[in-house]
């Protein structure tokens, strides 16, 4: 058995929808998966691109861990071609996990189902990035006790994301440590209204994205971790461009054209499509 798994990057939060909203982006990691005939119990991993030389090449590799969590225990030969930047807020970890879960389901002859989201989300403790990479499009994610849930929505064709990726890396664990244990009731109410508006904006009316992406729950608290990111966001928003932090940062995601007067030196600017397919598995033999 030999097949290719293609998995999209993702952005989470989208400003107001902290730990609840996600969107799949047209930037893809690919993993060629095979069961080695000459060494049916063995494991081999090669990595090209992001993470090459840094990620482990044994059972602790994130894709392998996800394959095992999905129920496959046999030999593996993986060739990973990583395009999604690591530790930039574009869901690289979630993409690796979803790719591993999809590979594990394929190797055990199962169709992707609600268990796939549960397995993937358990790795990170929330489902926004994983659901986006799994299903594509726009997702709303939540948990019910220990169960993770998500619904997928079709993005409005006018939603045109631009990502501004700095060379600086960021850790979700570190940036979560900057968040307060409690927020004012007014900020919580603001977040609820704007997150609801974001669903409408992303699926029906992008003209209200500037208001919909306004955040009071996490971005300002995390500014010490990536001040340049917040500077660019504030400059864009003052000029009427919807912009927010992508996931745990430090990448900026914006919608529309970038004004020339905004200083984006140090950022790799890319216009991406919204991926609508999610993770895909294609036979190679």
Protein backbone atom coordinates (compact mmCIF):
# COMPACT_ATOMS: atom_id res chain seq x y z
CA UNK A 1 0.00 0.00 0.00
CA UNK A 2 1.31 3.41 -1.00
CA UNK A 3 -0.58 6.71 -1.01
CA UNK A 4 -0.18 10.47 -0.72
CA UNK A 5 -1.78 12.58 2.01
CA UNK A 6 -2.21 16.29 1.26
CA UNK A 7 -3.25 18.47 4.19
CA UNK A 8 -3.93 22.22 4.25
CA UNK A 9 -2.61 24.83 6.65
CA UNK A 10 -5.13 26.60 8.84
CA UNK A 11 -5.72 29.81 10.70
CA UNK A 12 -7.60 29.88 13.99
CA UNK A 13 -9.41 32.47 16.12
CA UNK A 14 -9.89 34.92 13.22
CA UNK A 15 -9.79 37.73 15.73
CA UNK A 16 -12.97 37.37 17.74
CA UNK A 17 -13.51 33.60 17.65
CA UNK A 18 -10.87 32.55 20.18
CA UNK A 19 -10.53 28.74 20.26
CA UNK A 20 -13.75 28.46 18.26
CA UNK A 21 -13.29 29.60 14.64
CA UNK A 22 -10.93 28.17 12.07
CA UNK A 23 -10.31 28.37 8.35
CA UNK A 24 -8.35 26.12 6.00
CA UNK A 25 -5.73 27.78 3.80
CA UNK A 26 -4.36 26.81 0.40
CA UNK A 27 -0.88 25.90 1.63
CA UNK A 28 -0.21 22.17 1.79
CA UNK A 29 2.07 19.65 3.44
CA UNK A 30 2.34 16.34 1.62
CA UNK A 31 3.22 12.99 3.13
CA UNK A 32 3.93 9.92 1.05
CA UNK A 33 2.96 6.87 3.07
CA UNK A 34 3.96 3.28 2.37
CA UNK A 35 4.10 -0.05 4.17
CA UNK A 36 7.67 -1.32 3.60
CA UNK A 37 7.52 -4.81 2.12
CA UNK A 38 11.15 -5.57 2.94
CA UNK A 39 10.77 -4.44 6.56
CA UNK A 40 7.07 -4.79 7.51
CA UNK A 41 7.67 -3.87 11.15
CA UNK A 42 10.14 -1.07 10.57
CA UNK A 43 9.94 2.68 10.53
CA UNK A 44 11.65 5.14 8.19
CA UNK A 45 11.03 8.88 7.94
CA UNK A 46 12.48 11.53 5.66
CA UNK A 47 11.61 15.22 5.95
CA UNK A 48 12.05 17.95 3.36
CA UNK A 49 11.28 21.63 3.94
CA UNK A 50 10.01 23.05 7.22
CA UNK A 51 11.34 21.17 10.22
CA UNK A 52 14.01 19.31 8.29
CA UNK A 53 16.86 18.62 10.68
CA UNK A 54 14.78 19.62 13.70
CA UNK A 55 11.91 17.14 14.02
CA UNK A 56 12.51 13.61 15.40
CA UNK A 57 12.72 10.70 12.96
CA UNK A 58 11.42 8.00 15.27
CA UNK A 59 8.15 6.99 16.94
CA UNK A 60 7.94 10.41 18.60
CA UNK A 61 7.44 12.12 15.22
CA UNK A 62 4.04 13.83 15.35
CA UNK A 63 2.71 12.16 12.21
CA UNK A 64 3.71 8.72 13.49
CA UNK A 65 2.10 9.39 16.87
CA UNK A 66 -1.14 10.34 15.10
CA UNK A 67 -1.00 7.25 12.88
CA UNK A 68 -0.66 5.10 16.01
CA UNK A 69 -3.48 6.96 17.77
CA UNK A 70 -5.67 6.18 14.75
CA UNK A 71 -5.08 2.46 15.30
CA UNK A 72 -2.32 1.42 12.91
CA UNK A 73 0.61 -0.37 14.58
CA UNK A 74 2.54 -1.82 11.64
CA UNK A 75 5.58 -0.74 9.65
CA UNK A 76 5.75 2.69 8.06
CA UNK A 77 7.81 4.50 5.47
CA UNK A 78 7.06 8.25 5.44
CA UNK A 79 8.33 10.93 3.10
CA UNK A 80 7.27 14.33 4.44
CA UNK A 81 7.37 17.42 2.24
CA UNK A 82 6.60 20.29 4.58
CA UNK A 83 5.58 23.68 3.18
CA UNK A 84 3.61 25.03 6.16
CA UNK A 85 6.01 27.10 8.31
CA UNK A 86 6.50 25.74 11.81
CA UNK A 87 5.59 27.73 14.94
CA UNK A 88 4.08 30.63 13.00
CA UNK A 89 0.37 30.26 13.81
CA UNK A 90 -0.57 28.47 10.59
CA UNK A 91 -1.53 25.13 12.08
CA UNK A 92 1.57 23.12 11.20
CA UNK A 93 1.13 20.81 14.20
CA UNK A 94 -2.57 20.31 13.51
CA UNK A 95 -1.78 19.58 9.84
CA UNK A 96 0.75 16.91 10.84
CA UNK A 97 -1.73 15.37 13.26
CA UNK A 98 -4.58 15.36 10.72
CA UNK A 99 -2.28 13.88 8.08
CA UNK A 100 -1.29 11.11 10.50
CA UNK A 101 -4.89 10.40 11.46
CA UNK A 102 -5.94 10.26 7.79
CA UNK A 103 -3.02 7.92 7.06
CA UNK A 104 -3.92 5.70 10.03
CA UNK A 105 -7.55 5.47 8.95
CA UNK A 106 -6.49 4.63 5.40
CA UNK A 107 -4.06 1.94 6.57
CA UNK A 108 -6.75 0.32 8.70
CA UNK A 109 -9.40 0.52 5.96
CA UNK A 110 -11.61 3.11 7.68
CA UNK A 111 -13.36 6.14 6.26
CA UNK A 112 -12.72 9.44 7.99
CA UNK A 113 -15.53 10.06 10.47
CA UNK A 114 -16.25 11.96 13.69
CA UNK A 115 -13.69 9.82 15.51
CA UNK A 116 -10.99 11.34 13.28
CA UNK A 117 -11.71 14.81 14.68
CA UNK A 118 -11.77 13.46 18.23
CA UNK A 119 -8.39 11.77 17.85
CA UNK A 120 -6.82 14.82 16.19
CA UNK A 121 -8.22 17.38 18.65
CA UNK A 122 -7.07 15.39 21.69
CA UNK A 123 -3.46 16.10 20.74
CA UNK A 124 -3.87 19.87 21.13
CA UNK A 125 -6.81 20.16 23.51
CA UNK A 126 -8.94 22.17 21.10
CA UNK A 127 -10.39 21.45 17.69
CA UNK A 128 -10.27 24.68 15.67
CA UNK A 129 -7.10 24.08 13.61
CA UNK A 130 -7.60 20.32 13.36
CA UNK A 131 -11.19 20.66 12.16
CA UNK A 132 -10.18 23.19 9.51
CA UNK A 133 -7.42 20.95 8.14
CA UNK A 134 -9.70 17.92 8.30
CA UNK A 135 -12.82 19.38 6.68
CA UNK A 136 -11.65 22.48 4.80
CA UNK A 137 -13.61 25.72 4.55
CA UNK A 138 -14.71 27.61 7.67
CA UNK A 139 -15.28 25.69 10.90
CA UNK A 140 -16.87 26.35 14.26
CA UNK A 141 -15.33 24.07 16.89
CA UNK A 142 -16.39 23.37 20.46
CA UNK A 143 -16.25 20.67 23.12
CA UNK A 144 -18.97 18.86 25.05
CA UNK A 145 -17.29 17.38 28.09
CA UNK A 146 -14.46 15.30 26.66
CA UNK A 147 -15.95 15.17 23.14
CA UNK A 148 -14.78 17.57 20.44
CA UNK A 149 -17.24 18.74 17.84
CA UNK A 150 -17.12 20.93 14.75
CA UNK A 151 -19.35 22.08 11.93
CA UNK A 152 -18.09 23.09 8.51
CA UNK A 153 -19.38 26.08 6.55
CA UNK A 154 -18.75 27.16 2.99
CA UNK A 155 -16.69 30.36 2.74
CA UNK A 156 -17.97 33.31 0.75
CA UNK A 157 -16.08 33.44 -2.57
CA UNK A 158 -15.10 37.06 -1.83
CA UNK A 159 -13.07 36.09 1.24
CA UNK A 160 -9.48 36.58 0.07
CA UNK A 161 -6.94 35.99 2.84
CA UNK A 162 -3.41 37.36 2.86
CA UNK A 163 -0.89 36.01 5.34
CA UNK A 164 2.12 37.98 6.53
CA UNK A 165 4.63 35.50 7.93
CA UNK A 166 7.55 36.79 10.01
CA UNK A 167 10.78 34.90 10.52
CA UNK A 168 10.14 34.93 14.27
CA UNK A 169 8.70 31.73 15.74
CA UNK A 170 6.10 31.52 18.49
CA UNK A 171 4.98 28.83 20.91
CA UNK A 172 1.29 28.24 21.65
CA UNK A 173 2.26 27.19 25.17
CA UNK A 174 4.18 30.41 25.73
CA UNK A 175 1.52 32.73 24.34
CA UNK A 176 -1.27 30.99 26.28
CA UNK A 177 0.73 31.70 29.41
CA UNK A 178 0.26 35.43 28.76
CA UNK A 179 -3.53 35.22 28.91
CA UNK A 180 -5.36 36.23 32.10
CA UNK A 181 -7.45 33.72 34.02
CA UNK A 182 -10.46 36.06 33.82
CA UNK A 183 -11.62 38.85 31.52
CA UNK A 184 -14.17 41.64 32.09
CA UNK A 185 -17.79 40.73 31.40
CA UNK A 186 -17.98 43.50 28.79
CA UNK A 187 -15.09 41.93 26.85
CA UNK A 188 -16.75 38.50 26.96
CA UNK A 189 -19.99 39.99 25.64
CA UNK A 190 -18.07 41.83 22.93
CA UNK A 191 -16.38 38.58 21.87
CA UNK A 192 -19.68 36.70 21.65
CA UNK A 193 -21.23 39.30 19.39
CA UNK A 194 -18.20 39.71 17.16
CA UNK A 195 -17.66 35.95 16.80
CA UNK A 196 -21.26 35.56 15.69
CA UNK A 197 -20.74 38.40 13.23
CA UNK A 198 -17.54 36.71 11.97
CA UNK A 199 -19.53 33.63 10.96
CA UNK A 200 -21.85 35.84 8.92
CA UNK A 201 -18.95 37.82 7.44
CA UNK A 202 -16.91 34.81 6.37
CA UNK A 203 -19.83 32.95 4.83
CA UNK A 204 -22.11 35.69 3.50
CA UNK A 205 -20.92 39.28 3.80
CA UNK A 206 -17.17 40.06 3.90
CA UNK A 207 -17.95 43.78 4.00
CA UNK A 208 -18.32 43.52 7.80
CA UNK A 209 -15.04 41.68 8.39
CA UNK A 210 -13.36 44.70 9.95
CA UNK A 211 -15.84 44.75 12.82
CA UNK A 212 -16.10 40.97 12.93
CA UNK A 213 -12.37 40.42 13.48
CA UNK A 214 -12.03 42.89 16.36
CA UNK A 215 -10.69 41.09 19.43
CA UNK A 216 -10.55 41.83 23.16
CA UNK A 217 -9.78 38.35 24.51
CA UNK A 218 -6.26 37.46 23.48
CA UNK A 219 -4.30 39.63 21.03
CA UNK A 220 -3.42 42.58 23.25
CA UNK A 221 -2.46 40.31 26.14
CA UNK A 222 -0.03 38.49 23.85
CA UNK A 223 1.55 41.62 22.39
CA UNK A 224 4.81 41.18 24.40
CA UNK A 225 5.42 37.94 22.49
CA UNK A 226 5.19 39.56 19.05
CA UNK A 227 5.03 43.40 19.16
CA UNK A 228 5.73 43.77 15.43
CA UNK A 229 2.73 41.57 14.64
CA UNK A 230 0.41 43.76 16.70
CA UNK A 231 1.91 46.90 15.14
CA UNK A 232 1.12 45.69 11.62
CA UNK A 233 -2.39 44.62 12.65
CA UNK A 234 -3.11 48.01 14.22
CA UNK A 235 -1.79 49.88 11.18
CA UNK A 236 -3.86 47.78 8.78
CA UNK A 237 -7.02 48.15 10.84
CA UNK A 238 -6.63 51.93 11.09
CA UNK A 239 -6.62 51.97 7.28
CA UNK A 240 -9.77 49.87 7.11
CA UNK A 241 -8.18 46.48 6.35
CA UNK A 242 -9.53 43.58 8.43
CA UNK A 243 -6.51 42.00 10.13
CA UNK A 244 -5.80 39.82 13.13
CA UNK A 245 -3.30 37.36 14.55
CA UNK A 246 -3.33 33.93 12.94
CA UNK A 247 -3.68 31.32 15.68
CA UNK A 248 -0.99 31.69 18.35
CA UNK A 249 0.97 34.02 16.06
CA UNK A 250 3.13 35.62 15.05
CA UNK A 251 1.66 35.47 11.51
CA UNK A 252 -0.85 38.17 10.57
CA UNK A 253 -3.89 37.29 8.49
CA UNK A 254 -5.62 40.08 6.60
CA UNK A 255 -8.44 40.29 4.09
CA UNK A 256 -8.18 42.49 1.01
CA UNK A 257 -5.36 44.52 -0.48
CA UNK A 258 -2.52 45.80 1.69
CA UNK A 259 -1.96 49.59 1.62
CA UNK A 260 1.54 50.55 0.47
CA UNK A 261 2.10 52.78 3.51
CA UNK A 262 2.07 49.85 5.93
CA UNK A 263 5.63 48.70 6.69
CA UNK A 264 5.72 44.93 6.14
CA UNK A 265 9.50 44.58 6.07
CA UNK A 266 10.45 41.33 7.75
CA UNK A 267 7.20 39.65 6.72
CA UNK A 268 6.77 37.14 3.89
CA UNK A 269 3.49 38.26 2.29
CA UNK A 270 1.43 35.58 0.55
CA UNK A 271 -2.10 35.66 -0.85
CA UNK A 272 -3.72 32.27 -0.34
CA UNK A 273 -6.99 30.66 -1.35
CA UNK A 274 -9.37 29.32 1.24
CA UNK A 275 -9.04 25.55 0.96
CA UNK A 276 -12.47 23.93 0.68
CA UNK A 277 -11.53 20.24 0.45
CA UNK A 278 -9.62 19.55 3.66
CA UNK A 279 -7.27 16.60 3.97
CA UNK A 280 -7.05 14.41 0.87
CA UNK A 281 -5.71 10.89 0.32
CA UNK A 282 -4.65 9.76 -3.14
CA UNK A 283 -3.41 6.26 -4.07
CA UNK A 284 0.03 6.18 -5.68
CA UNK A 285 0.07 2.59 -6.93
